[in-house]
Amino acid sequence: MNKATDLDEVIKAHEGFLATIMTRSLLDIGKRDLLNQLRAIFGTVYKLSDFLTKFDNRVSAEVKTRGKLKITAAAAAQRKFFDDYIVQSKGEVEQLYTVTQVRPTQPSFL
C-alpha cells in the first residue's frame, strides 16, 4: 500500500485485503461447509452449556431445600438400615466372587 503509485494499485491492494478477510473469516465459497460445521458444533456446545447451567441451578435449589428439612429419627434409622444393608450385600458379593473363582486343579486321571 505504501508503494502504490496510482489508484489502480490501491484498488488492487484493497481487493486483495478483502479477499484475505473473506477467506480467514470463512465467508468465501470454499470455506462455507467448514463454517456450517463449526456453527453446528458451537450450537450443540451452546445447548449443552445451557442445559448444564439449568441443571446446576435446579440441583443447587434442591440441595438448599433439602438442607432446610429436618431429619426425623425414623429417616435416620432407615438410612442406617440402608447403609448397613449395602455394606452386607457388598461383602456377600465379594465372598461369592471369591468362591466362584476358577482355581487350577490337577486333572482327575493323575
Foldseek 3Di string as FASTA:
>chain_A
DVPDDDPVVVVVVVVVVVVVVCVVVLNDPVSVVVVVVVVVVVVVVVVVVVVVVVVVVVVVVVVVVVVPDDQDPVNVVVVVVVVVVVVVVVVVVVVVVVVPDDDDDDDPVD
